[in-house]
N, C-alpha and C. Protein backbone atom coordinates (compact mmCIF):
# COMPACT_ATOMS: atom_id res chain seq x y z
N MET A 1 74.54 86.96 121.49
CA MET A 1 75.51 87.94 121.05
C MET A 1 76.68 87.23 120.42
N GLN A 2 77.19 87.85 119.35
CA GLN A 2 78.33 87.26 118.62
C GLN A 2 79.45 88.28 118.62
N SER A 3 80.68 87.83 118.39
CA SER A 3 81.83 88.67 118.25
C SER A 3 82.36 89.19 119.61
N THR A 4 83.47 89.81 119.52
CA THR A 4 84.10 90.52 120.65
C THR A 4 83.44 91.91 120.82
N PRO A 5 83.51 92.51 122.06
CA PRO A 5 82.92 93.83 122.24
C PRO A 5 83.63 94.85 121.41
N VAL A 6 82.96 95.92 121.02
CA VAL A 6 83.50 97.07 120.20
C VAL A 6 83.41 98.27 121.03
N SER A 7 84.52 98.98 121.15
CA SER A 7 84.50 100.25 121.91
C SER A 7 84.91 101.41 121.02
N GLY A 8 84.45 102.62 121.40
CA GLY A 8 84.89 103.77 120.64
C GLY A 8 86.27 104.29 121.05
N GLY A 9 86.88 103.63 122.05
CA GLY A 9 88.25 104.13 122.49
C GLY A 9 88.21 105.06 123.64
N ALA A 10 89.34 105.28 124.26
CA ALA A 10 89.46 106.01 125.48
C ALA A 10 89.51 107.52 125.20
N VAL A 11 88.41 108.08 124.81
CA VAL A 11 88.37 109.50 124.54
C VAL A 11 87.58 110.21 125.73
N VAL A 12 88.22 111.11 126.31
CA VAL A 12 87.62 111.84 127.45
C VAL A 12 86.92 113.08 126.88
N SER A 13 85.58 113.14 127.01
CA SER A 13 84.82 114.16 126.34
C SER A 13 83.60 114.51 127.16
N ASN A 14 83.09 115.71 126.93
CA ASN A 14 81.79 116.08 127.56
C ASN A 14 80.64 115.72 126.69
N VAL A 15 80.87 115.00 125.57
CA VAL A 15 79.80 114.64 124.60
C VAL A 15 79.87 113.10 124.38
N MET A 16 78.85 112.40 124.44
CA MET A 16 78.75 110.95 124.13
C MET A 16 77.80 110.75 123.00
N ILE A 17 78.13 109.90 122.05
CA ILE A 17 77.21 109.34 121.02
C ILE A 17 76.95 107.89 121.39
N ILE A 18 75.66 107.51 121.53
CA ILE A 18 75.32 106.19 121.92
C ILE A 18 74.45 105.55 120.81
N GLY A 19 74.97 104.44 120.25
CA GLY A 19 74.22 103.71 119.16
C GLY A 19 73.52 102.52 119.80
N GLN A 20 72.98 101.70 118.86
CA GLN A 20 72.24 100.53 119.30
C GLN A 20 73.20 99.34 119.62
N ALA A 21 73.92 98.89 118.60
CA ALA A 21 74.88 97.74 118.75
C ALA A 21 75.69 97.74 117.49
N PRO A 22 76.91 97.13 117.58
CA PRO A 22 77.77 97.05 116.43
C PRO A 22 77.12 96.19 115.28
N GLY A 23 77.45 96.49 114.11
CA GLY A 23 77.03 95.62 112.94
C GLY A 23 78.01 94.52 112.66
N PRO A 24 77.86 93.83 111.70
CA PRO A 24 78.73 92.69 111.37
C PRO A 24 80.18 93.05 111.13
N ARG A 25 80.46 94.26 110.59
CA ARG A 25 81.74 94.71 110.17
C ARG A 25 82.58 95.37 111.31
N GLU A 26 81.84 95.89 112.22
CA GLU A 26 82.47 96.79 113.27
C GLU A 26 83.51 95.93 114.19
N PRO A 27 83.18 94.65 114.54
CA PRO A 27 84.14 93.90 115.35
C PRO A 27 85.55 93.74 114.74
N ALA A 28 85.54 93.52 113.38
CA ALA A 28 86.86 93.35 112.77
C ALA A 28 87.55 94.66 112.74
N LEU A 29 86.83 95.71 112.46
CA LEU A 29 87.42 97.07 112.38
C LEU A 29 87.77 97.74 113.67
N GLN A 30 86.96 97.17 114.80
CA GLN A 30 87.07 97.77 116.13
C GLN A 30 86.78 99.26 116.15
N ARG A 31 85.69 99.67 115.37
CA ARG A 31 85.21 100.97 115.37
C ARG A 31 83.67 100.93 115.29
N MET A 32 83.01 101.80 116.09
CA MET A 32 81.59 101.90 115.91
C MET A 32 81.22 102.78 114.76
N PHE A 33 80.05 102.56 114.17
CA PHE A 33 79.57 103.28 113.01
C PHE A 33 80.61 103.32 111.88
N ALA A 34 81.05 102.08 111.53
CA ALA A 34 82.13 101.90 110.57
C ALA A 34 81.74 101.60 109.23
N HIS A 35 80.37 101.58 108.95
CA HIS A 35 79.92 101.22 107.61
C HIS A 35 78.87 102.27 107.12
N THR A 36 77.79 101.78 106.46
CA THR A 36 76.82 102.67 105.85
C THR A 36 76.29 103.71 106.72
N ALA A 37 75.75 103.25 107.94
CA ALA A 37 75.18 104.24 108.88
C ALA A 37 76.25 105.26 109.28
N GLY A 38 77.41 104.81 109.49
CA GLY A 38 78.49 105.79 109.90
C GLY A 38 78.77 106.83 108.88
N LYS A 39 78.68 106.46 107.55
CA LYS A 39 78.95 107.46 106.54
C LYS A 39 77.88 108.54 106.56
N THR A 40 76.66 108.13 106.82
CA THR A 40 75.63 109.23 106.94
C THR A 40 75.75 110.07 108.18
N LEU A 41 76.04 109.36 109.34
CA LEU A 41 76.27 110.09 110.60
C LEU A 41 77.28 111.10 110.50
N PHE A 42 78.47 110.74 109.98
CA PHE A 42 79.62 111.65 109.89
C PHE A 42 79.36 112.73 108.84
N ARG A 43 78.57 112.49 107.86
CA ARG A 43 78.16 113.51 106.90
C ARG A 43 77.31 114.53 107.55
N TRP A 44 76.47 114.15 108.40
CA TRP A 44 75.60 115.03 109.19
C TRP A 44 76.49 115.93 110.04
N PHE A 45 77.47 115.38 110.75
CA PHE A 45 78.25 116.11 111.63
C PHE A 45 79.13 117.16 110.83
N GLU A 46 79.68 116.66 109.71
CA GLU A 46 80.44 117.63 108.88
C GLU A 46 79.62 118.80 108.37
N GLU A 47 78.42 118.48 107.97
CA GLU A 47 77.56 119.49 107.35
C GLU A 47 77.07 120.52 108.36
N PHE A 48 76.64 120.04 109.56
CA PHE A 48 76.06 120.87 110.52
C PHE A 48 77.04 121.40 111.62
N CYS A 49 78.04 120.65 111.92
CA CYS A 49 79.01 120.98 112.99
C CYS A 49 80.32 121.36 112.53
N GLY A 50 80.60 121.14 111.20
CA GLY A 50 82.01 121.39 110.68
C GLY A 50 82.99 120.42 111.18
N MET A 51 82.69 119.17 111.55
CA MET A 51 83.61 118.23 112.09
C MET A 51 83.57 117.02 111.28
N ASN A 52 84.78 116.62 110.71
CA ASN A 52 84.85 115.45 109.83
C ASN A 52 84.97 114.17 110.74
N GLU A 53 84.94 113.05 110.10
CA GLU A 53 84.94 111.77 110.84
C GLU A 53 86.06 111.67 111.80
N SER A 54 87.27 111.91 111.44
CA SER A 54 88.38 111.79 112.34
C SER A 54 88.32 112.76 113.56
N THR A 55 87.80 113.89 113.28
CA THR A 55 87.61 114.89 114.37
C THR A 55 86.56 114.39 115.35
N VAL A 56 85.44 113.97 114.81
CA VAL A 56 84.30 113.43 115.68
C VAL A 56 84.83 112.31 116.48
N ARG A 57 85.54 111.40 115.89
CA ARG A 57 86.04 110.17 116.66
C ARG A 57 87.03 110.53 117.72
N SER A 58 87.82 111.53 117.47
CA SER A 58 88.87 111.95 118.43
C SER A 58 88.43 112.82 119.56
N LYS A 59 87.18 113.44 119.37
CA LYS A 59 86.66 114.39 120.36
C LYS A 59 85.44 114.01 121.08
N ILE A 60 84.70 112.94 120.56
CA ILE A 60 83.45 112.54 121.16
C ILE A 60 83.55 111.01 121.49
N TYR A 61 83.06 110.71 122.72
CA TYR A 61 83.07 109.33 123.15
C TYR A 61 81.99 108.55 122.63
N PHE A 62 82.30 107.41 121.99
CA PHE A 62 81.31 106.48 121.36
C PHE A 62 80.97 105.33 122.25
N ALA A 63 79.70 105.02 122.40
CA ALA A 63 79.22 103.88 123.21
C ALA A 63 78.10 103.26 122.54
N ALA A 64 77.52 102.20 123.04
CA ALA A 64 76.36 101.55 122.54
C ALA A 64 75.56 100.89 123.56
N VAL A 65 74.29 100.71 123.30
CA VAL A 65 73.45 99.97 124.26
C VAL A 65 73.99 98.58 124.41
N CYS A 66 74.35 97.87 123.40
CA CYS A 66 75.03 96.55 123.51
C CYS A 66 76.34 96.64 122.76
N ARG A 67 77.36 96.02 123.25
CA ARG A 67 78.71 96.19 122.75
C ARG A 67 79.18 95.13 121.77
N CYS A 68 78.35 93.98 121.65
CA CYS A 68 78.67 92.95 120.70
C CYS A 68 77.69 92.92 119.58
N PHE A 69 78.02 92.32 118.45
CA PHE A 69 77.18 92.15 117.33
C PHE A 69 76.11 91.15 117.66
N PRO A 70 74.77 91.55 117.62
CA PRO A 70 73.69 90.64 118.02
C PRO A 70 73.49 89.44 117.08
N GLY A 71 73.98 89.52 115.90
CA GLY A 71 73.68 88.55 114.86
C GLY A 71 72.57 88.90 113.98
N LYS A 72 72.21 88.02 113.07
CA LYS A 72 71.17 88.31 112.10
C LYS A 72 69.82 87.62 112.56
N ASN A 73 68.72 88.22 112.12
CA ASN A 73 67.46 87.60 112.36
C ASN A 73 67.01 86.72 111.20
N SER A 74 65.80 86.17 111.20
CA SER A 74 65.39 85.24 110.20
C SER A 74 65.32 85.83 108.85
N THR A 75 65.20 87.11 108.74
CA THR A 75 64.97 87.84 107.42
C THR A 75 66.35 88.26 106.91
N GLY A 76 67.40 88.06 107.68
CA GLY A 76 68.81 88.37 107.21
C GLY A 76 69.25 89.73 107.55
N THR A 77 68.43 90.47 108.28
CA THR A 77 68.86 91.87 108.71
C THR A 77 69.45 91.73 110.15
N ASP A 78 70.09 92.76 110.60
CA ASP A 78 70.73 92.80 111.92
C ASP A 78 69.60 92.66 112.99
N ARG A 79 69.85 91.76 113.91
CA ARG A 79 68.92 91.50 114.97
C ARG A 79 68.87 92.61 116.04
N VAL A 80 67.71 93.02 116.52
CA VAL A 80 67.64 93.97 117.61
C VAL A 80 67.89 93.25 118.91
N PRO A 81 68.75 93.74 119.80
CA PRO A 81 69.03 93.12 121.06
C PRO A 81 67.75 92.94 121.91
N VAL A 82 67.70 91.84 122.61
CA VAL A 82 66.53 91.51 123.41
C VAL A 82 66.72 92.15 124.87
N PRO A 83 65.71 92.26 125.70
CA PRO A 83 65.85 92.92 126.96
C PRO A 83 67.01 92.36 127.90
N ASP A 84 67.12 91.02 127.89
CA ASP A 84 68.18 90.43 128.72
C ASP A 84 69.57 90.90 128.24
N GLU A 85 69.80 90.96 126.92
CA GLU A 85 71.09 91.42 126.42
C GLU A 85 71.33 92.88 126.76
N ILE A 86 70.31 93.71 126.72
CA ILE A 86 70.40 95.11 127.08
C ILE A 86 70.80 95.25 128.50
N ARG A 87 70.06 94.44 129.42
CA ARG A 87 70.43 94.50 130.88
C ARG A 87 71.88 94.08 131.08
N ASN A 88 72.34 93.03 130.40
CA ASN A 88 73.73 92.56 130.60
C ASN A 88 74.77 93.56 130.29
N CYS A 89 74.44 94.45 129.42
CA CYS A 89 75.39 95.49 128.94
C CYS A 89 75.19 96.86 129.65
N SER A 90 73.99 97.01 130.43
CA SER A 90 73.73 98.35 130.92
C SER A 90 74.74 98.92 131.92
N SER A 91 75.41 98.07 132.59
CA SER A 91 76.38 98.58 133.64
C SER A 91 77.54 99.38 132.97
N TRP A 92 77.91 98.95 131.67
CA TRP A 92 79.02 99.65 131.01
C TRP A 92 78.56 101.15 130.80
N MET A 93 77.38 101.34 130.36
CA MET A 93 76.94 102.74 130.00
C MET A 93 76.87 103.50 131.24
N GLY A 94 76.33 102.90 132.33
CA GLY A 94 76.24 103.61 133.64
C GLY A 94 77.61 104.04 134.17
N ASP A 95 78.56 103.11 134.06
CA ASP A 95 79.98 103.46 134.54
C ASP A 95 80.58 104.54 133.61
N GLU A 96 80.30 104.50 132.40
CA GLU A 96 80.84 105.54 131.45
C GLU A 96 80.33 106.93 131.78
N ILE A 97 79.04 106.97 132.02
CA ILE A 97 78.38 108.19 132.34
C ILE A 97 78.91 108.77 133.68
N GLN A 98 79.12 107.81 134.66
CA GLN A 98 79.63 108.24 135.98
C GLN A 98 81.05 108.74 135.85
N ILE A 99 81.81 108.20 135.02
CA ILE A 99 83.26 108.58 134.88
C ILE A 99 83.34 109.88 134.11
N LEU A 100 82.67 109.92 132.94
CA LEU A 100 82.83 111.10 132.03
C LEU A 100 82.02 112.28 132.53
N GLN A 101 80.82 112.07 133.11
CA GLN A 101 79.95 113.07 133.55
C GLN A 101 79.68 114.06 132.34
N PRO A 102 79.15 113.52 131.27
CA PRO A 102 79.01 114.37 130.06
C PRO A 102 77.93 115.48 130.23
N HIS A 103 78.09 116.53 129.43
CA HIS A 103 77.07 117.57 129.35
C HIS A 103 75.98 117.23 128.35
N LEU A 104 76.36 116.42 127.31
CA LEU A 104 75.43 116.09 126.25
C LEU A 104 75.62 114.59 125.84
N ILE A 105 74.43 113.93 125.79
CA ILE A 105 74.41 112.57 125.17
C ILE A 105 73.54 112.58 123.98
N ILE A 106 74.01 112.02 122.87
CA ILE A 106 73.30 111.89 121.63
C ILE A 106 72.94 110.45 121.36
N PRO A 107 71.74 110.00 121.74
CA PRO A 107 71.45 108.64 121.35
C PRO A 107 70.97 108.52 119.93
N VAL A 108 71.42 107.50 119.22
CA VAL A 108 71.20 107.36 117.80
C VAL A 108 70.29 106.14 117.57
N GLY A 109 69.08 106.35 117.13
CA GLY A 109 68.14 105.25 116.89
C GLY A 109 67.22 105.01 118.09
N ARG A 110 66.04 104.40 117.75
CA ARG A 110 64.96 104.28 118.75
C ARG A 110 65.47 103.54 120.01
N LEU A 111 66.18 102.43 119.79
CA LEU A 111 66.60 101.67 120.93
C LEU A 111 67.53 102.36 121.97
N ALA A 112 68.42 103.15 121.37
CA ALA A 112 69.30 103.99 122.19
C ALA A 112 68.51 105.16 122.89
N ILE A 113 67.64 105.77 122.13
CA ILE A 113 66.76 106.81 122.70
C ILE A 113 66.04 106.28 123.86
N MET A 114 65.39 105.11 123.78
CA MET A 114 64.61 104.53 124.81
C MET A 114 65.33 104.28 126.11
N GLN A 115 66.66 104.27 126.09
CA GLN A 115 67.41 104.08 127.29
C GLN A 115 67.37 105.37 128.19
N PHE A 116 66.92 106.48 127.62
CA PHE A 116 66.94 107.77 128.31
C PHE A 116 65.58 108.34 128.46
N ILE A 117 64.76 108.25 127.37
CA ILE A 117 63.40 108.95 127.42
C ILE A 117 62.35 107.98 126.73
N ASP A 118 61.12 108.21 126.94
CA ASP A 118 60.09 107.50 126.23
C ASP A 118 60.16 107.91 124.75
N CYS A 119 59.92 106.85 123.88
CA CYS A 119 59.99 107.08 122.44
C CYS A 119 58.97 106.24 121.74
N LYS A 120 57.70 106.64 121.84
CA LYS A 120 56.64 105.84 121.06
C LYS A 120 56.70 106.11 119.60
N LYS A 121 57.03 107.40 119.32
CA LYS A 121 57.13 107.87 117.88
C LYS A 121 58.36 108.76 117.77
N LEU A 122 59.14 108.55 116.69
CA LEU A 122 60.35 109.41 116.53
C LEU A 122 60.01 110.89 116.36
N GLU A 123 58.86 111.18 115.75
CA GLU A 123 58.47 112.58 115.52
C GLU A 123 58.14 113.27 116.81
N GLU A 124 57.99 112.51 117.91
CA GLU A 124 57.69 113.22 119.22
C GLU A 124 58.95 113.65 119.90
N VAL A 125 60.11 113.01 119.51
CA VAL A 125 61.38 113.34 120.31
C VAL A 125 62.51 113.88 119.43
N ILE A 126 62.55 113.56 118.10
CA ILE A 126 63.60 114.15 117.24
C ILE A 126 63.35 115.61 117.10
N GLY A 127 64.45 116.42 117.21
CA GLY A 127 64.36 117.88 117.04
C GLY A 127 64.13 118.58 118.44
N ARG A 128 64.15 117.73 119.51
CA ARG A 128 63.98 118.33 120.88
C ARG A 128 65.17 118.09 121.73
N LYS A 129 65.27 118.84 122.86
CA LYS A 129 66.32 118.62 123.75
C LYS A 129 65.67 118.27 125.13
N PHE A 130 66.24 117.27 125.81
CA PHE A 130 65.67 116.79 127.10
C PHE A 130 66.79 116.87 128.19
N ARG A 131 66.22 117.06 129.37
CA ARG A 131 67.18 117.03 130.60
C ARG A 131 66.92 115.67 131.28
N VAL A 132 68.00 114.91 131.51
CA VAL A 132 67.86 113.57 131.99
C VAL A 132 68.88 113.33 133.10
N ALA A 133 68.50 112.42 134.05
CA ALA A 133 69.48 112.06 135.13
C ALA A 133 69.68 110.54 134.98
N ARG A 134 70.96 110.15 135.13
CA ARG A 134 71.30 108.69 135.13
C ARG A 134 72.67 108.54 135.79
N ALA A 135 72.78 107.46 136.54
CA ALA A 135 74.05 107.18 137.20
C ALA A 135 74.53 108.33 138.10
N GLY A 136 73.50 108.95 138.72
CA GLY A 136 73.86 110.09 139.67
C GLY A 136 74.34 111.35 139.01
N HIS A 137 74.11 111.51 137.68
CA HIS A 137 74.51 112.68 136.94
C HIS A 137 73.38 113.20 136.05
N ARG A 138 73.24 114.52 135.98
CA ARG A 138 72.28 115.15 135.08
C ARG A 138 72.93 115.69 133.83
N PHE A 139 72.32 115.52 132.71
CA PHE A 139 72.87 115.93 131.43
C PHE A 139 71.75 116.18 130.44
N GLU A 140 72.06 116.72 129.27
CA GLU A 140 71.05 116.94 128.23
C GLU A 140 71.17 115.85 127.17
N VAL A 141 70.00 115.51 126.59
CA VAL A 141 69.93 114.55 125.60
C VAL A 141 69.27 115.14 124.33
N ILE A 142 69.95 114.96 123.16
CA ILE A 142 69.39 115.41 121.83
C ILE A 142 69.38 114.08 121.01
N PRO A 143 68.23 113.49 120.80
CA PRO A 143 68.17 112.24 120.02
C PRO A 143 68.33 112.49 118.52
N LEU A 144 68.88 111.54 117.84
CA LEU A 144 68.93 111.42 116.44
C LEU A 144 68.27 110.15 115.92
N PRO A 145 67.72 110.12 114.73
CA PRO A 145 67.20 108.88 114.11
C PRO A 145 68.38 108.00 113.69
N HIS A 146 68.16 106.71 113.57
CA HIS A 146 69.33 105.90 113.09
C HIS A 146 69.57 106.25 111.66
N PRO A 147 70.82 106.41 111.24
CA PRO A 147 71.10 106.80 109.86
C PRO A 147 71.31 105.63 108.94
N SER A 148 71.00 104.45 109.32
CA SER A 148 71.12 103.30 108.42
C SER A 148 70.25 103.43 107.21
N GLY A 149 70.47 102.67 106.17
CA GLY A 149 69.64 102.65 104.98
C GLY A 149 68.43 101.83 105.16
N ALA A 150 68.28 101.21 106.29
CA ALA A 150 67.17 100.26 106.47
C ALA A 150 65.83 101.01 106.68
N SER A 151 65.92 102.27 107.16
CA SER A 151 64.80 103.09 107.38
C SER A 151 64.95 104.44 106.63
N PRO A 152 63.92 104.84 105.83
CA PRO A 152 63.99 106.14 105.14
C PRO A 152 63.47 107.24 106.00
N TRP A 153 63.27 107.06 107.26
CA TRP A 153 62.59 108.11 108.12
C TRP A 153 63.27 109.48 108.07
N HIS A 154 64.66 109.40 108.07
CA HIS A 154 65.35 110.70 108.13
C HIS A 154 65.49 111.36 106.73
N LYS A 155 64.95 110.64 105.69
CA LYS A 155 65.02 111.14 104.35
C LYS A 155 63.73 111.76 103.88
N ILE A 156 62.57 111.49 104.48
CA ILE A 156 61.31 111.99 104.03
C ILE A 156 60.64 112.83 105.12
N LEU A 157 59.74 113.66 104.85
CA LEU A 157 58.97 114.53 105.74
C LEU A 157 58.08 113.65 106.61
N PRO A 158 57.89 114.02 107.82
CA PRO A 158 58.58 115.12 108.62
C PRO A 158 59.95 114.84 109.09
N GLY A 159 60.47 113.53 108.97
CA GLY A 159 61.73 113.11 109.47
C GLY A 159 62.91 113.99 109.10
N ARG A 160 62.95 114.33 107.73
CA ARG A 160 64.04 115.08 107.28
C ARG A 160 64.12 116.46 107.98
N LYS A 161 63.09 117.18 108.14
CA LYS A 161 63.12 118.41 108.75
C LYS A 161 63.43 118.32 110.26
N LEU A 162 62.93 117.29 110.92
CA LEU A 162 63.16 117.13 112.37
C LEU A 162 64.61 116.71 112.57
N THR A 163 65.14 115.93 111.69
CA THR A 163 66.59 115.52 111.82
C THR A 163 67.52 116.77 111.66
N GLU A 164 67.18 117.67 110.70
CA GLU A 164 67.90 118.85 110.52
C GLU A 164 67.79 119.76 111.76
N ARG A 165 66.58 119.82 112.41
CA ARG A 165 66.41 120.60 113.59
C ARG A 165 67.24 120.10 114.75
N ALA A 166 67.33 118.65 114.82
CA ALA A 166 68.09 118.02 115.91
C ALA A 166 69.60 118.33 115.65
N LEU A 167 70.05 118.26 114.50
CA LEU A 167 71.47 118.53 114.21
C LEU A 167 71.83 119.96 114.46
N LYS A 168 70.95 120.94 114.22
CA LYS A 168 71.24 122.34 114.53
C LYS A 168 71.30 122.52 116.03
N LEU A 169 70.49 121.79 116.81
CA LEU A 169 70.47 121.85 118.24
C LEU A 169 71.80 121.32 118.72
N ILE A 170 72.33 120.29 118.11
CA ILE A 170 73.57 119.66 118.53
C ILE A 170 74.70 120.60 118.19
N ALA A 171 74.77 121.26 117.02
CA ALA A 171 75.76 122.23 116.56
C ALA A 171 75.80 123.37 117.58
N ARG A 172 74.68 123.81 118.04
CA ARG A 172 74.65 125.05 118.90
C ARG A 172 74.85 124.72 120.38
N HIS A 173 74.84 123.44 120.76
CA HIS A 173 75.00 123.08 122.11
C HIS A 173 76.48 123.50 122.59
N SER A 174 76.50 124.05 123.79
CA SER A 174 77.79 124.55 124.31
C SER A 174 78.89 123.50 124.35
N ALA A 175 78.51 122.21 124.66
CA ALA A 175 79.56 121.16 124.74
C ALA A 175 80.15 120.88 123.40
N VAL A 176 79.33 120.91 122.34
CA VAL A 176 79.80 120.71 120.97
C VAL A 176 80.56 121.85 120.46
N ALA A 177 80.05 123.04 120.76
CA ALA A 177 80.76 124.34 120.34
C ALA A 177 82.18 124.32 120.89
N ALA A 178 82.27 123.89 122.20
CA ALA A 178 83.60 123.89 122.81
C ALA A 178 84.60 122.94 122.14
N LEU A 179 84.01 121.79 121.63
CA LEU A 179 84.91 120.82 120.93
C LEU A 179 85.35 121.43 119.60
N CYS A 180 84.53 122.19 119.01
CA CYS A 180 84.91 122.79 117.68
C CYS A 180 86.01 123.85 117.88
N ARG A 181 86.03 124.42 119.07
CA ARG A 181 87.04 125.55 119.31
C ARG A 181 88.36 124.93 119.72
N LEU A 182 88.37 123.67 120.13
CA LEU A 182 89.67 123.10 120.57
C LEU A 182 90.63 122.85 119.41
N ARG A 183 91.92 123.12 119.62
CA ARG A 183 92.88 122.87 118.57
C ARG A 183 92.90 121.39 118.29
N PRO A 184 92.88 120.88 117.10
CA PRO A 184 92.96 119.50 116.71
C PRO A 184 94.28 118.90 117.26
N LYS A 185 94.22 117.60 117.75
CA LYS A 185 95.39 117.02 118.24
C LYS A 185 96.08 116.23 117.03
N ARG A 186 97.33 115.96 117.22
CA ARG A 186 98.03 115.15 116.17
C ARG A 186 97.58 113.74 116.27
N ARG A 187 97.66 113.04 115.15
CA ARG A 187 97.25 111.66 115.08
C ARG A 187 98.02 110.83 116.13
N GLY A 188 97.42 110.07 116.93
CA GLY A 188 98.08 109.19 117.97
C GLY A 188 98.12 109.83 119.29
N ASP A 189 97.86 111.16 119.39
CA ASP A 189 97.87 111.81 120.73
C ASP A 189 96.77 111.28 121.61
N LEU A 190 97.01 111.33 122.92
CA LEU A 190 95.98 110.98 123.87
C LEU A 190 95.04 112.18 123.97
N ILE A 191 93.73 111.95 123.85
CA ILE A 191 92.81 113.08 123.80
C ILE A 191 92.27 113.33 125.27
N ILE A 192 92.65 114.45 125.89
CA ILE A 192 92.21 114.76 127.18
C ILE A 192 91.54 116.10 127.17
N HIS A 193 90.32 116.15 127.75
CA HIS A 193 89.61 117.34 127.78
C HIS A 193 90.35 118.31 128.75
N PRO A 194 90.59 119.61 128.31
CA PRO A 194 91.37 120.44 129.05
C PRO A 194 90.82 120.90 130.34
N THR A 195 89.49 120.71 130.61
CA THR A 195 88.92 121.28 131.83
C THR A 195 89.09 120.35 133.05
N ARG A 196 89.35 118.99 132.76
CA ARG A 196 89.50 118.13 133.96
C ARG A 196 90.13 116.87 133.53
N LEU A 197 90.87 116.21 134.49
CA LEU A 197 91.43 114.98 134.29
C LEU A 197 90.88 113.91 135.19
N PRO A 198 90.12 112.94 134.68
CA PRO A 198 89.60 111.92 135.58
C PRO A 198 90.58 111.07 136.25
N SER A 199 90.29 110.56 137.45
CA SER A 199 91.17 109.71 138.13
C SER A 199 91.10 108.24 137.62
N ILE A 200 90.02 107.96 136.91
CA ILE A 200 89.85 106.62 136.34
C ILE A 200 89.97 106.69 134.84
N ALA A 201 90.90 105.87 134.32
CA ALA A 201 90.97 105.85 132.81
C ALA A 201 89.92 105.00 132.20
N LEU A 202 89.50 105.45 130.97
CA LEU A 202 88.60 104.68 130.25
C LEU A 202 89.33 103.67 129.43
N THR A 203 88.99 102.43 129.47
CA THR A 203 89.70 101.41 128.69
C THR A 203 88.64 100.67 127.86
N THR A 204 89.13 100.05 126.78
CA THR A 204 88.28 99.28 125.92
C THR A 204 87.80 98.05 126.67
N GLN A 205 86.56 97.79 126.64
CA GLN A 205 85.91 96.59 127.36
C GLN A 205 86.28 95.30 126.53
N ARG A 206 86.67 94.29 127.18
CA ARG A 206 86.99 93.07 126.49
C ARG A 206 86.07 91.90 126.96
N LYS A 207 85.27 92.25 127.95
CA LYS A 207 84.36 91.28 128.50
C LYS A 207 83.12 91.08 127.65
N LYS A 208 82.81 89.83 127.19
CA LYS A 208 81.59 89.65 126.38
C LYS A 208 80.29 90.01 127.20
N CYS A 209 79.38 90.52 126.36
CA CYS A 209 78.11 90.94 126.99
C CYS A 209 77.27 89.73 127.30
């Protein structure tokens, strides 16, 4: 693992988005989904949920399977984290789920999806909703394919139709609908979900994975 850990920030929310790992640009920007994949992801949310990037970032908690940039592989593309690296970071996600007790988790990409459900083929899980238990808490999972340009799966059939179906499920989910009804906060405000105040504050992780 390279770089410092990247966090989505201390947003208290009933919805979590979980990616694979930061890319090479995210550590400097200290934002997840800060480049090409993020542009597609936030376009999806604006089109189907009516939430632009700033709204999504302020109302949804962002996490990742691994919190540091894994580096490049021999072909020059971003390296997929190995099992030991995933295990080293797994406690962060468990703690976040235990603290937030989310109603909905949206894993983005096969690696993130596999942390919650079996995923031999994307077409078997995209466009569906699952009930999952982890860290002593039960919640719903609606997977999304990874929006990076490295894979055209979400652009061609059946991936395009299944991705649209998944986004419609997300838009109709009660936890996301509740976020859309909340009055937007001013820039710089602390984002606190009105239904509950946790006793433990979420902070940016600075420990290397």
